[in-house]
Amino acid sequence: MEKKLTQDQSKVEVTGFEAKYYDLLMNIITLGTYPFFIRKAIKSIGLKKGESVLDFGAGTGRNDCLMLKYIGQEGKITGLEIGEEMSEKFRKNCNYPNVNLLNKRIDEPLDFEKEFDTVFISFVLHGFVQEKREIIIKNAYKALKDGGKFAILDYNEFDPDRAFFIARYAIKNIECPLAEDFIKRDWKTKLKEFGFKTFKETFFYKKYVRLLIAYK
């Protein structure tokens, strides 16, 4: 019998040394490619001037600062982050009048309703058990305006046993078991169950990473 996955197996809530040096560590483990990758990924979302963005798991603010380039001073960003160390870095890195950081969990029901053009989540969704992932998807759908988009930047779907050795090693030895569960699921079918209608995909790192945009 397959052992049931639990949330305490997750590595999604980063603290301590890893939180303090998170951006640097991401640069190192990707052999310096992360800054180029994340800029390209943010550009691929297709943000426009004046748009409103809700960032699930905003981290150090690195992504939100990149998004400001596209939404401009007319737009707004609301970041949700519960980690104290991450939140402190966010406020230092992305201190702008149109950026707001809130201490709210994304895996519990949120009160946002049809307020945002885009909901963004980056390498966070895989770190939850499926029941909590579904709460997060519900929160995103509810928070979006009609025609809005849910931009999920995370691992693509693939068979880890047949993957290139670096991807296989990362999933099997570095990531938590929840990540392996995540990559084996059909996310477009699941998102349709919650009301999302159409999709756009952009791939990175030999298609092991995907920006999946789901439109409401």
N, C-alpha and C. Protein backbone atom coordinates (compact mmCIF):
# COMPACT_ATOMS: atom_id res chain seq x y z
N MET A 1 0.85 -1.20 0.00
CA MET A 1 0.00 0.00 0.00
C MET A 1 0.89 1.25 0.00
N GLU A 2 0.55 2.21 -0.87
CA GLU A 2 1.32 3.45 -0.95
C GLU A 2 1.06 4.33 0.26
N LYS A 3 2.14 4.82 0.86
CA LYS A 3 2.02 5.65 2.05
C LYS A 3 1.41 7.00 1.72
N LYS A 4 0.46 7.44 2.54
CA LYS A 4 -0.21 8.71 2.32
C LYS A 4 0.74 9.87 2.58
N LEU A 5 0.74 10.82 1.67
CA LEU A 5 1.58 12.00 1.82
C LEU A 5 0.97 12.95 2.84
N THR A 6 1.83 13.62 3.60
CA THR A 6 1.36 14.57 4.61
C THR A 6 2.06 15.91 4.43
N GLN A 7 1.46 16.97 4.93
CA GLN A 7 2.00 18.31 4.74
C GLN A 7 3.33 18.51 5.46
N ASP A 8 3.58 17.74 6.51
CA ASP A 8 4.86 17.92 7.21
C ASP A 8 6.05 17.39 6.42
N GLN A 9 5.79 16.77 5.26
CA GLN A 9 6.86 16.35 4.36
C GLN A 9 7.29 17.48 3.41
N SER A 10 6.57 18.58 3.45
CA SER A 10 6.82 19.68 2.53
C SER A 10 8.09 20.46 2.89
N LYS A 11 8.69 21.05 1.86
CA LYS A 11 9.83 21.95 2.06
C LYS A 11 9.51 23.35 1.55
N VAL A 12 8.21 23.64 1.40
CA VAL A 12 7.81 24.89 0.77
C VAL A 12 7.98 26.11 1.67
N GLU A 13 7.90 25.92 2.99
CA GLU A 13 8.06 27.04 3.91
C GLU A 13 9.53 27.14 4.31
N VAL A 14 10.22 28.13 3.74
CA VAL A 14 11.67 28.25 3.87
C VAL A 14 12.01 29.15 5.06
N THR A 15 12.96 28.68 5.88
CA THR A 15 13.36 29.45 7.06
C THR A 15 14.89 29.39 7.23
N GLY A 16 15.39 30.14 8.21
CA GLY A 16 16.79 30.06 8.59
C GLY A 16 17.75 30.48 7.49
N PHE A 17 18.85 29.74 7.39
CA PHE A 17 19.91 30.05 6.43
C PHE A 17 19.37 30.09 5.01
N GLU A 18 18.51 29.14 4.68
CA GLU A 18 17.96 29.07 3.32
C GLU A 18 17.13 30.30 2.99
N ALA A 19 16.36 30.79 3.97
CA ALA A 19 15.56 31.99 3.75
C ALA A 19 16.45 33.23 3.61
N LYS A 20 17.48 33.30 4.45
CA LYS A 20 18.37 34.47 4.46
C LYS A 20 19.09 34.64 3.13
N TYR A 21 19.47 33.53 2.52
CA TYR A 21 20.25 33.58 1.28
C TYR A 21 19.51 32.94 0.11
N TYR A 22 18.20 33.01 0.14
CA TYR A 22 17.38 32.26 -0.83
C TYR A 22 17.71 32.62 -2.28
N ASP A 23 17.74 33.89 -2.60
CA ASP A 23 17.99 34.29 -3.99
C ASP A 23 19.38 33.86 -4.45
N LEU A 24 20.36 34.02 -3.59
CA LEU A 24 21.72 33.59 -3.92
C LEU A 24 21.79 32.09 -4.13
N LEU A 25 21.13 31.34 -3.27
CA LEU A 25 21.14 29.88 -3.39
C LEU A 25 20.47 29.42 -4.68
N MET A 26 19.40 30.10 -5.08
CA MET A 26 18.74 29.76 -6.34
C MET A 26 19.67 30.00 -7.51
N ASN A 27 20.42 31.07 -7.45
CA ASN A 27 21.40 31.35 -8.52
C ASN A 27 22.47 30.27 -8.58
N ILE A 28 22.93 29.84 -7.40
CA ILE A 28 24.02 28.86 -7.35
C ILE A 28 23.56 27.49 -7.84
N ILE A 29 22.43 27.00 -7.36
CA ILE A 29 22.00 25.64 -7.71
C ILE A 29 21.56 25.52 -9.16
N THR A 30 21.26 26.67 -9.79
CA THR A 30 20.93 26.64 -11.23
C THR A 30 22.12 27.04 -12.08
N LEU A 31 23.31 27.05 -11.46
CA LEU A 31 24.56 27.38 -12.17
C LEU A 31 24.49 28.76 -12.84
N GLY A 32 23.87 29.69 -12.14
CA GLY A 32 23.81 31.08 -12.61
C GLY A 32 22.73 31.37 -13.62
N THR A 33 21.88 30.39 -13.93
CA THR A 33 20.87 30.60 -14.97
C THR A 33 19.57 31.18 -14.44
N TYR A 34 19.37 31.14 -13.12
CA TYR A 34 18.07 31.53 -12.57
C TYR A 34 17.66 32.97 -12.91
N PRO A 35 18.54 33.96 -12.80
CA PRO A 35 18.13 35.34 -13.12
C PRO A 35 17.59 35.48 -14.55
N PHE A 36 18.22 34.79 -15.49
CA PHE A 36 17.77 34.86 -16.88
C PHE A 36 16.44 34.12 -17.05
N PHE A 37 16.33 32.97 -16.41
CA PHE A 37 15.10 32.18 -16.47
C PHE A 37 13.91 32.94 -15.90
N ILE A 38 14.07 33.51 -14.70
CA ILE A 38 12.92 34.13 -14.06
C ILE A 38 12.48 35.40 -14.79
N ARG A 39 13.42 36.13 -15.36
CA ARG A 39 13.03 37.30 -16.15
C ARG A 39 12.22 36.88 -17.37
N LYS A 40 12.65 35.82 -18.03
CA LYS A 40 11.93 35.33 -19.20
C LYS A 40 10.55 34.80 -18.82
N ALA A 41 10.48 34.11 -17.68
CA ALA A 41 9.20 33.56 -17.22
C ALA A 41 8.21 34.67 -16.89
N ILE A 42 8.66 35.70 -16.17
CA ILE A 42 7.79 36.82 -15.82
C ILE A 42 7.31 37.53 -17.08
N LYS A 43 8.20 37.72 -18.04
CA LYS A 43 7.80 38.35 -19.30
C LYS A 43 6.73 37.54 -20.01
N SER A 44 6.83 36.21 -19.92
CA SER A 44 5.91 35.32 -20.63
C SER A 44 4.49 35.34 -20.05
N ILE A 45 4.33 35.89 -18.85
CA ILE A 45 2.98 35.98 -18.28
C ILE A 45 2.10 36.91 -19.10
N GLY A 46 2.70 37.92 -19.70
CA GLY A 46 1.94 38.85 -20.53
C GLY A 46 1.25 39.93 -19.73
N LEU A 47 1.89 40.39 -18.67
CA LEU A 47 1.30 41.46 -17.85
C LEU A 47 1.25 42.76 -18.63
N LYS A 48 0.22 43.57 -18.32
CA LYS A 48 0.03 44.85 -18.99
C LYS A 48 0.02 46.00 -17.98
N LYS A 49 0.27 47.20 -18.50
CA LYS A 49 0.22 48.40 -17.66
C LYS A 49 -1.12 48.49 -16.93
N GLY A 50 -1.04 48.80 -15.67
CA GLY A 50 -2.26 49.03 -14.89
C GLY A 50 -2.89 47.78 -14.31
N GLU A 51 -2.34 46.62 -14.59
CA GLU A 51 -2.95 45.39 -14.08
C GLU A 51 -2.70 45.21 -12.58
N SER A 52 -3.56 44.42 -11.97
CA SER A 52 -3.43 44.07 -10.56
C SER A 52 -3.02 42.61 -10.46
N VAL A 53 -2.05 42.35 -9.57
CA VAL A 53 -1.48 41.01 -9.43
C VAL A 53 -1.55 40.57 -7.97
N LEU A 54 -1.96 39.33 -7.76
CA LEU A 54 -1.93 38.70 -6.45
C LEU A 54 -0.89 37.59 -6.50
N ASP A 55 0.14 37.68 -5.65
CA ASP A 55 1.25 36.73 -5.66
C ASP A 55 1.13 35.79 -4.46
N PHE A 56 0.87 34.51 -4.75
CA PHE A 56 0.74 33.49 -3.71
C PHE A 56 2.13 32.98 -3.32
N GLY A 57 2.57 33.28 -2.10
CA GLY A 57 3.89 32.86 -1.66
C GLY A 57 4.95 33.77 -2.25
N ALA A 58 4.91 35.04 -1.86
CA ALA A 58 5.68 36.09 -2.53
C ALA A 58 7.18 36.03 -2.24
N GLY A 59 7.59 35.30 -1.20
CA GLY A 59 9.01 35.10 -0.95
C GLY A 59 9.78 36.38 -0.69
N THR A 60 10.92 36.53 -1.37
CA THR A 60 11.82 37.66 -1.14
C THR A 60 11.43 38.92 -1.91
N GLY A 61 10.40 38.84 -2.74
CA GLY A 61 9.99 39.99 -3.54
C GLY A 61 10.68 40.09 -4.88
N ARG A 62 11.57 39.18 -5.17
CA ARG A 62 12.32 39.20 -6.43
C ARG A 62 11.37 39.18 -7.64
N ASN A 63 10.40 38.29 -7.60
CA ASN A 63 9.48 38.18 -8.73
C ASN A 63 8.60 39.41 -8.87
N ASP A 64 8.15 39.93 -7.74
CA ASP A 64 7.25 41.08 -7.78
C ASP A 64 7.94 42.32 -8.32
N CYS A 65 9.21 42.50 -7.98
CA CYS A 65 9.96 43.63 -8.53
C CYS A 65 10.08 43.52 -10.05
N LEU A 66 10.23 42.30 -10.55
CA LEU A 66 10.28 42.10 -12.00
C LEU A 66 8.93 42.40 -12.65
N MET A 67 7.84 42.07 -11.96
CA MET A 67 6.51 42.31 -12.51
C MET A 67 6.19 43.80 -12.60
N LEU A 68 6.78 44.58 -11.72
CA LEU A 68 6.52 46.03 -11.73
C LEU A 68 6.91 46.67 -13.06
N LYS A 69 7.91 46.11 -13.72
CA LYS A 69 8.34 46.62 -15.01
C LYS A 69 7.21 46.62 -16.02
N TYR A 70 6.32 45.65 -15.89
CA TYR A 70 5.24 45.48 -16.88
C TYR A 70 3.93 46.15 -16.46
N ILE A 71 3.63 46.17 -15.16
CA ILE A 71 2.36 46.77 -14.75
C ILE A 71 2.49 48.26 -14.47
N GLY A 72 3.73 48.75 -14.26
CA GLY A 72 3.96 50.17 -14.07
C GLY A 72 3.40 50.71 -12.76
N GLN A 73 3.49 52.02 -12.61
CA GLN A 73 3.00 52.67 -11.40
C GLN A 73 1.48 52.63 -11.31
N GLU A 74 0.83 52.42 -12.46
CA GLU A 74 -0.63 52.37 -12.46
C GLU A 74 -1.17 51.05 -11.92
N GLY A 75 -0.34 50.01 -11.97
CA GLY A 75 -0.76 48.70 -11.49
C GLY A 75 -0.52 48.54 -10.00
N LYS A 76 -0.88 47.36 -9.50
CA LYS A 76 -0.65 47.09 -8.07
C LYS A 76 -0.34 45.61 -7.89
N ILE A 77 0.44 45.33 -6.86
CA ILE A 77 0.77 43.96 -6.51
C ILE A 77 0.46 43.73 -5.03
N THR A 78 -0.23 42.64 -4.76
CA THR A 78 -0.47 42.21 -3.39
C THR A 78 0.22 40.87 -3.21
N GLY A 79 1.22 40.84 -2.35
CA GLY A 79 1.95 39.60 -2.09
C GLY A 79 1.48 38.97 -0.80
N LEU A 80 1.36 37.66 -0.80
CA LEU A 80 0.99 36.92 0.40
C LEU A 80 2.18 36.05 0.82
N GLU A 81 2.62 36.22 2.05
CA GLU A 81 3.79 35.49 2.55
C GLU A 81 3.69 35.35 4.06
N ILE A 82 3.94 34.15 4.58
CA ILE A 82 3.84 33.94 6.02
C ILE A 82 5.19 33.83 6.71
N GLY A 83 6.26 33.62 5.96
CA GLY A 83 7.58 33.49 6.56
C GLY A 83 8.14 34.83 7.02
N GLU A 84 8.54 34.93 8.26
CA GLU A 84 9.04 36.20 8.79
C GLU A 84 10.31 36.65 8.08
N GLU A 85 11.24 35.72 7.88
CA GLU A 85 12.52 36.08 7.25
C GLU A 85 12.31 36.47 5.79
N MET A 86 11.46 35.72 5.10
CA MET A 86 11.15 36.05 3.71
C MET A 86 10.46 37.40 3.62
N SER A 87 9.53 37.64 4.52
CA SER A 87 8.78 38.90 4.52
C SER A 87 9.71 40.09 4.76
N GLU A 88 10.68 39.91 5.64
CA GLU A 88 11.64 40.97 5.91
C GLU A 88 12.46 41.30 4.66
N LYS A 89 12.89 40.27 3.95
CA LYS A 89 13.65 40.49 2.72
C LYS A 89 12.77 41.13 1.65
N PHE A 90 11.51 40.71 1.59
CA PHE A 90 10.58 41.28 0.62
C PHE A 90 10.47 42.79 0.82
N ARG A 91 10.28 43.21 2.05
CA ARG A 91 10.09 44.64 2.33
C ARG A 91 11.34 45.46 2.00
N LYS A 92 12.50 44.84 2.12
CA LYS A 92 13.74 45.53 1.75
C LYS A 92 13.91 45.57 0.23
N ASN A 93 13.55 44.48 -0.43
CA ASN A 93 13.80 44.35 -1.87
C ASN A 93 12.76 45.04 -2.74
N CYS A 94 11.51 45.09 -2.25
CA CYS A 94 10.42 45.54 -3.13
C CYS A 94 9.53 46.55 -2.40
N ASN A 95 10.15 47.60 -1.93
CA ASN A 95 9.45 48.62 -1.16
C ASN A 95 8.97 49.73 -2.09
N TYR A 96 7.76 49.55 -2.62
CA TYR A 96 7.18 50.51 -3.56
C TYR A 96 5.74 50.83 -3.13
N PRO A 97 5.25 52.03 -3.45
CA PRO A 97 3.91 52.42 -3.00
C PRO A 97 2.79 51.52 -3.51
N ASN A 98 2.98 50.92 -4.68
CA ASN A 98 1.92 50.09 -5.26
C ASN A 98 2.13 48.60 -5.01
N VAL A 99 3.00 48.28 -4.03
CA VAL A 99 3.22 46.89 -3.64
C VAL A 99 2.86 46.73 -2.17
N ASN A 100 2.01 45.75 -1.90
CA ASN A 100 1.53 45.52 -0.54
C ASN A 100 1.80 44.06 -0.16
N LEU A 101 2.36 43.84 1.01
CA LEU A 101 2.64 42.49 1.49
C LEU A 101 1.74 42.17 2.68
N LEU A 102 1.05 41.04 2.59
CA LEU A 102 0.14 40.62 3.65
C LEU A 102 0.57 39.26 4.21
N ASN A 103 0.37 39.09 5.51
CA ASN A 103 0.66 37.83 6.17
C ASN A 103 -0.60 36.97 6.14
N LYS A 104 -0.73 36.20 5.07
CA LYS A 104 -1.91 35.34 4.91
C LYS A 104 -1.49 34.00 4.32
N ARG A 105 -2.07 32.95 4.83
CA ARG A 105 -1.84 31.63 4.27
C ARG A 105 -2.64 31.46 2.98
N ILE A 106 -2.04 30.84 2.00
CA ILE A 106 -2.74 30.64 0.72
C ILE A 106 -3.49 29.32 0.69
N ASP A 107 -3.24 28.44 1.67
CA ASP A 107 -3.90 27.13 1.70
C ASP A 107 -5.10 27.12 2.66
N GLU A 108 -5.57 28.31 3.00
CA GLU A 108 -6.80 28.50 3.75
C GLU A 108 -7.68 29.45 2.96
N PRO A 109 -9.00 29.38 3.10
CA PRO A 109 -9.89 30.25 2.31
C PRO A 109 -9.54 31.73 2.48
N LEU A 110 -9.45 32.43 1.35
CA LEU A 110 -9.14 33.86 1.33
C LEU A 110 -10.39 34.66 0.98
N ASP A 111 -10.39 35.94 1.33
CA ASP A 111 -11.59 36.75 1.12
C ASP A 111 -11.53 37.63 -0.13
N PHE A 112 -10.50 37.45 -0.98
CA PHE A 112 -10.45 38.21 -2.23
C PHE A 112 -11.49 37.66 -3.21
N GLU A 113 -12.19 38.56 -3.89
CA GLU A 113 -13.20 38.12 -4.86
C GLU A 113 -13.23 39.06 -6.06
N LYS A 114 -12.86 38.52 -7.22
CA LYS A 114 -12.87 39.25 -8.49
C LYS A 114 -12.13 40.59 -8.40
N GLU A 115 -10.94 40.57 -7.78
CA GLU A 115 -10.17 41.80 -7.56
C GLU A 115 -8.93 41.91 -8.44
N PHE A 116 -8.47 40.79 -9.02
CA PHE A 116 -7.16 40.78 -9.66
C PHE A 116 -7.21 40.30 -11.11
N ASP A 117 -6.32 40.89 -11.91
CA ASP A 117 -6.18 40.46 -13.30
C ASP A 117 -5.35 39.19 -13.41
N THR A 118 -4.39 39.03 -12.49
CA THR A 118 -3.49 37.87 -12.50
C THR A 118 -3.25 37.38 -11.09
N VAL A 119 -3.30 36.07 -10.92
CA VAL A 119 -2.80 35.43 -9.70
C VAL A 119 -1.56 34.65 -10.12
N PHE A 120 -0.46 34.85 -9.40
CA PHE A 120 0.82 34.23 -9.74
C PHE A 120 1.29 33.36 -8.59
N ILE A 121 1.83 32.18 -8.91
CA ILE A 121 2.40 31.30 -7.89
C ILE A 121 3.63 30.63 -8.48
N SER A 122 4.76 30.74 -7.81
CA SER A 122 6.04 30.27 -8.35
C SER A 122 6.68 29.23 -7.44
N PHE A 123 6.78 28.00 -7.90
CA PHE A 123 7.42 26.90 -7.18
C PHE A 123 6.91 26.78 -5.74
N VAL A 124 5.61 26.89 -5.62
CA VAL A 124 4.96 26.77 -4.31
C VAL A 124 3.89 25.69 -4.34
N LEU A 125 3.12 25.60 -5.42
CA LEU A 125 1.98 24.69 -5.47
C LEU A 125 2.40 23.24 -5.26
N HIS A 126 3.58 22.87 -5.77
CA HIS A 126 4.01 21.47 -5.63
C HIS A 126 4.28 21.09 -4.18
N GLY A 127 4.46 22.06 -3.31
CA GLY A 127 4.82 21.79 -1.93
C GLY A 127 3.64 21.58 -0.99
N PHE A 128 2.47 21.33 -1.55
CA PHE A 128 1.29 21.09 -0.72
C PHE A 128 0.67 19.74 -1.05
N VAL A 129 0.00 19.15 -0.09
CA VAL A 129 -0.79 17.95 -0.37
C VAL A 129 -1.95 18.35 -1.28
N GLN A 130 -2.52 17.37 -1.96
CA GLN A 130 -3.51 17.67 -2.98
C GLN A 130 -4.73 18.43 -2.43
N GLU A 131 -5.15 18.09 -1.23
CA GLU A 131 -6.32 18.78 -0.66
C GLU A 131 -6.05 20.28 -0.50
N LYS A 132 -4.84 20.63 -0.10
CA LYS A 132 -4.49 22.03 0.07
C LYS A 132 -4.26 22.70 -1.29
N ARG A 133 -3.73 21.97 -2.27
CA ARG A 133 -3.58 22.53 -3.61
C ARG A 133 -4.95 22.95 -4.16
N GLU A 134 -5.95 22.15 -3.88
CA GLU A 134 -7.28 22.47 -4.38
C GLU A 134 -7.85 23.71 -3.72
N ILE A 135 -7.55 23.92 -2.45
CA ILE A 135 -7.95 25.16 -1.78
C ILE A 135 -7.27 26.35 -2.44
N ILE A 136 -5.99 26.20 -2.76
CA ILE A 136 -5.23 27.27 -3.41
C ILE A 136 -5.83 27.61 -4.77
N ILE A 137 -6.19 26.59 -5.53
CA ILE A 137 -6.81 26.82 -6.84
C ILE A 137 -8.15 27.54 -6.68
N LYS A 138 -8.94 27.13 -5.71
CA LYS A 138 -10.22 27.81 -5.45
C LYS A 138 -9.99 29.27 -5.10
N ASN A 139 -9.00 29.53 -4.27
CA ASN A 139 -8.67 30.91 -3.89
C ASN A 139 -8.29 31.74 -5.11
N ALA A 140 -7.50 31.15 -6.00
CA ALA A 140 -7.08 31.86 -7.21
C ALA A 140 -8.28 32.17 -8.10
N TYR A 141 -9.11 31.19 -8.32
CA TYR A 141 -10.27 31.39 -9.19
C TYR A 141 -11.19 32.48 -8.64
N LYS A 142 -11.44 32.43 -7.34
CA LYS A 142 -12.32 33.42 -6.71
C LYS A 142 -11.73 34.81 -6.77
N ALA A 143 -10.40 34.93 -6.61
CA ALA A 143 -9.74 36.25 -6.58
C ALA A 143 -9.67 36.91 -7.94
N LEU A 144 -9.76 36.12 -9.02
CA LEU A 144 -9.60 36.65 -10.36
C LEU A 144 -10.86 37.32 -10.90
N LYS A 145 -10.64 38.39 -11.64
CA LYS A 145 -11.72 38.97 -12.41
C LYS A 145 -12.08 38.02 -13.55
N ASP A 146 -13.26 38.17 -14.12
CA ASP A 146 -13.61 37.38 -15.29
C ASP A 146 -12.61 37.65 -16.40
N GLY A 147 -12.08 36.60 -17.01
CA GLY A 147 -11.07 36.76 -18.05
C GLY A 147 -9.65 36.84 -17.50
N GLY A 148 -9.51 36.82 -16.16
CA GLY A 148 -8.19 36.88 -15.55
C GLY A 148 -7.43 35.58 -15.71
N LYS A 149 -6.15 35.61 -15.31
CA LYS A 149 -5.31 34.43 -15.53
C LYS A 149 -4.59 34.00 -14.26
N PHE A 150 -4.51 32.69 -14.10
CA PHE A 150 -3.78 32.07 -13.01
C PHE A 150 -2.48 31.55 -13.59
N ALA A 151 -1.35 32.18 -13.23
CA ALA A 151 -0.05 31.83 -13.79
C ALA A 151 0.71 30.96 -12.79
N ILE A 152 0.91 29.70 -13.16
CA ILE A 152 1.56 28.73 -12.28
C ILE A 152 2.94 28.41 -12.85
N LEU A 153 3.97 28.86 -12.17
CA LEU A 153 5.34 28.55 -12.56
C LEU A 153 5.86 27.45 -11.63
N ASP A 154 6.08 26.27 -12.20
CA ASP A 154 6.43 25.13 -11.37
C ASP A 154 6.98 24.02 -12.25
N TYR A 155 7.16 22.85 -11.66
CA TYR A 155 7.61 21.71 -12.44
C TYR A 155 6.56 21.33 -13.47
N ASN A 156 7.00 20.88 -14.63
CA ASN A 156 6.11 20.34 -15.64
C ASN A 156 5.73 18.91 -15.23
N GLU A 157 4.81 18.33 -15.97
CA GLU A 157 4.44 16.93 -15.75
C GLU A 157 5.45 16.03 -16.47
N PHE A 158 6.03 15.08 -15.75
CA PHE A 158 6.94 14.14 -16.38
C PHE A 158 7.13 12.92 -15.48
N ASP A 159 7.68 11.87 -16.06
CA ASP A 159 7.97 10.65 -15.32
C ASP A 159 9.39 10.77 -14.75
N PRO A 160 9.52 10.92 -13.44
CA PRO A 160 10.87 11.13 -12.87
C PRO A 160 11.82 9.96 -13.11
N ASP A 161 11.27 8.75 -13.26
CA ASP A 161 12.13 7.58 -13.47
C ASP A 161 12.75 7.57 -14.86
N ARG A 162 12.17 8.33 -15.80
CA ARG A 162 12.69 8.38 -17.15
C ARG A 162 13.31 9.74 -17.49
N ALA A 163 13.39 10.59 -16.49
CA ALA A 163 13.89 11.95 -16.71
C ALA A 163 15.41 11.98 -16.82
N PHE A 164 15.92 13.07 -17.40
CA PHE A 164 17.35 13.35 -17.42
C PHE A 164 17.88 13.30 -15.99
N PHE A 165 19.09 12.83 -15.79
CA PHE A 165 19.55 12.49 -14.44
C PHE A 165 19.51 13.67 -13.48
N ILE A 166 19.73 14.91 -13.96
CA ILE A 166 19.69 16.06 -13.05
C ILE A 166 18.27 16.28 -12.53
N ALA A 167 17.30 16.20 -13.43
CA ALA A 167 15.90 16.35 -13.02
C ALA A 167 15.48 15.20 -12.12
N ARG A 168 15.91 14.01 -12.45
CA ARG A 168 15.57 12.84 -11.64
C ARG A 168 16.17 12.96 -10.24
N TYR A 169 17.42 13.39 -10.17
CA TYR A 169 18.08 13.54 -8.88
C TYR A 169 17.39 14.60 -8.03
N ALA A 170 17.03 15.73 -8.67
CA ALA A 170 16.39 16.82 -7.93
C ALA A 170 15.07 16.38 -7.32
N ILE A 171 14.26 15.67 -8.11
CA ILE A 171 12.96 15.23 -7.62
C ILE A 171 13.10 14.15 -6.56
N LYS A 172 14.03 13.23 -6.77
CA LYS A 172 14.17 12.08 -5.87
C LYS A 172 14.94 12.39 -4.59
N ASN A 173 15.86 13.37 -4.65
CA ASN A 173 16.78 13.56 -3.53
C ASN A 173 16.76 14.94 -2.90
N ILE A 174 16.36 15.96 -3.65
CA ILE A 174 16.39 17.32 -3.11
C ILE A 174 14.99 17.78 -2.72
N GLU A 175 14.04 17.58 -3.62
CA GLU A 175 12.68 18.00 -3.35
C GLU A 175 11.99 17.04 -2.37
N CYS A 176 10.85 17.50 -1.85
CA CYS A 176 10.05 16.66 -0.96
C CYS A 176 9.20 15.68 -1.78
N PRO A 177 8.66 14.62 -1.15
CA PRO A 177 7.82 13.67 -1.88
C PRO A 177 6.60 14.31 -2.53
N LEU A 178 6.17 15.44 -2.02
CA LEU A 178 5.01 16.12 -2.60
C LEU A 178 5.29 16.57 -4.02
N ALA A 179 6.54 16.91 -4.32
CA ALA A 179 6.89 17.35 -5.67
C ALA A 179 6.73 16.22 -6.68
N GLU A 180 7.12 15.02 -6.29
CA GLU A 180 6.96 13.88 -7.19
C GLU A 180 5.49 13.59 -7.45
N ASP A 181 4.67 13.74 -6.43
CA ASP A 181 3.22 13.61 -6.61
C ASP A 181 2.70 14.67 -7.57
N PHE A 182 3.19 15.88 -7.44
CA PHE A 182 2.75 17.01 -8.27
C PHE A 182 3.02 16.76 -9.76
N ILE A 183 4.22 16.29 -10.08
CA ILE A 183 4.60 16.17 -11.50
C ILE A 183 3.89 15.02 -12.20
N LYS A 184 3.25 14.15 -11.45
CA LYS A 184 2.56 13.00 -12.06
C LYS A 184 1.08 13.30 -12.35
N ARG A 185 0.62 14.50 -12.02
CA ARG A 185 -0.79 14.85 -12.17
C ARG A 185 -1.05 15.65 -13.44
N ASP A 186 -2.27 15.52 -13.95
CA ASP A 186 -2.71 16.25 -15.13
C ASP A 186 -3.35 17.56 -14.66
N TRP A 187 -2.57 18.64 -14.69
CA TRP A 187 -3.04 19.87 -14.08
C TRP A 187 -4.05 20.63 -14.92
N LYS A 188 -4.00 20.52 -16.21
CA LYS A 188 -5.01 21.21 -17.03
C LYS A 188 -6.40 20.60 -16.78
N THR A 189 -6.47 19.28 -16.69
CA THR A 189 -7.75 18.63 -16.39
C THR A 189 -8.26 19.04 -15.01
N LYS A 190 -7.36 19.10 -14.03
CA LYS A 190 -7.76 19.49 -12.68
C LYS A 190 -8.23 20.94 -12.64
N LEU A 191 -7.54 21.83 -13.31
CA LEU A 191 -7.93 23.25 -13.33
C LEU A 191 -9.28 23.45 -14.01
N LYS A 192 -9.58 22.65 -15.01
CA LYS A 192 -10.88 22.73 -15.66
C LYS A 192 -12.00 22.41 -14.69
N GLU A 193 -11.75 21.49 -13.77
CA GLU A 193 -12.76 21.12 -12.77
C GLU A 193 -13.15 22.30 -11.89
N PHE A 194 -12.24 23.27 -11.77
CA PHE A 194 -12.51 24.43 -10.91
C PHE A 194 -13.00 25.64 -11.71
N GLY A 195 -13.20 25.47 -13.02
CA GLY A 195 -13.80 26.53 -13.81
C GLY A 195 -12.89 27.20 -14.81
N PHE A 196 -11.59 26.91 -14.80
CA PHE A 196 -10.70 27.50 -15.79
C PHE A 196 -10.96 26.88 -17.15
N LYS A 197 -10.88 27.71 -18.20
CA LYS A 197 -11.37 27.28 -19.51
C LYS A 197 -10.27 26.99 -20.52
N THR A 198 -9.33 27.90 -20.67
CA THR A 198 -8.29 27.74 -21.68
C THR A 198 -6.92 27.92 -21.05
N PHE A 199 -5.89 27.47 -21.79
CA PHE A 199 -4.55 27.41 -21.21
C PHE A 199 -3.49 27.84 -22.21
N LYS A 200 -2.39 28.32 -21.66
CA LYS A 200 -1.20 28.62 -22.44
C LYS A 200 0.00 28.08 -21.68
N GLU A 201 0.94 27.45 -22.39
CA GLU A 201 2.10 26.86 -21.75
C GLU A 201 3.39 27.42 -22.33
N THR A 202 4.34 27.70 -21.46
CA THR A 202 5.69 28.07 -21.87
C THR A 202 6.65 27.20 -21.07
N PHE A 203 7.62 26.59 -21.76
CA PHE A 203 8.49 25.62 -21.12
C PHE A 203 9.91 26.15 -20.95
N PHE A 204 10.57 25.66 -19.90
CA PHE A 204 11.95 26.05 -19.58
C PHE A 204 12.73 24.81 -19.13
N TYR A 205 14.05 24.95 -19.13
CA TYR A 205 14.91 23.86 -18.65
C TYR A 205 14.52 22.51 -19.26
N LYS A 206 14.60 22.45 -20.59
CA LYS A 206 14.35 21.20 -21.32
C LYS A 206 12.95 20.63 -21.04
N LYS A 207 12.00 21.52 -20.80
CA LYS A 207 10.60 21.18 -20.55
C LYS A 207 10.35 20.53 -19.18
N TYR A 208 11.31 20.61 -18.28
CA TYR A 208 11.08 20.11 -16.92
C TYR A 208 10.41 21.17 -16.04
N VAL A 209 10.41 22.40 -16.50
CA VAL A 209 9.74 23.49 -15.80
C VAL A 209 8.75 24.13 -16.78
N ARG A 210 7.60 24.51 -16.25
CA ARG A 210 6.54 25.05 -17.11
C ARG A 210 5.87 26.26 -16.46
N LEU A 211 5.58 27.26 -17.28
CA LEU A 211 4.66 28.31 -16.90
C LEU A 211 3.33 27.94 -17.52
N LEU A 212 2.39 27.55 -16.67
CA LEU A 212 1.06 27.18 -17.12
C LEU A 212 0.10 28.32 -16.77
N ILE A 213 -0.48 28.94 -17.78
CA ILE A 213 -1.44 30.01 -17.56
C ILE A 213 -2.83 29.49 -17.83
N ALA A 214 -3.67 29.58 -16.81
CA ALA A 214 -5.06 29.13 -16.90
C ALA A 214 -5.97 30.35 -16.88
N TYR A 215 -6.85 30.46 -17.84
CA TYR A 215 -7.72 31.63 -17.97
C TYR A 215 -9.11 31.36 -17.43
N LYS A 216 -9.60 32.30 -16.65
CA LYS A 216 -10.94 32.20 -16.07
C LYS A 216 -12.01 32.58 -17.08
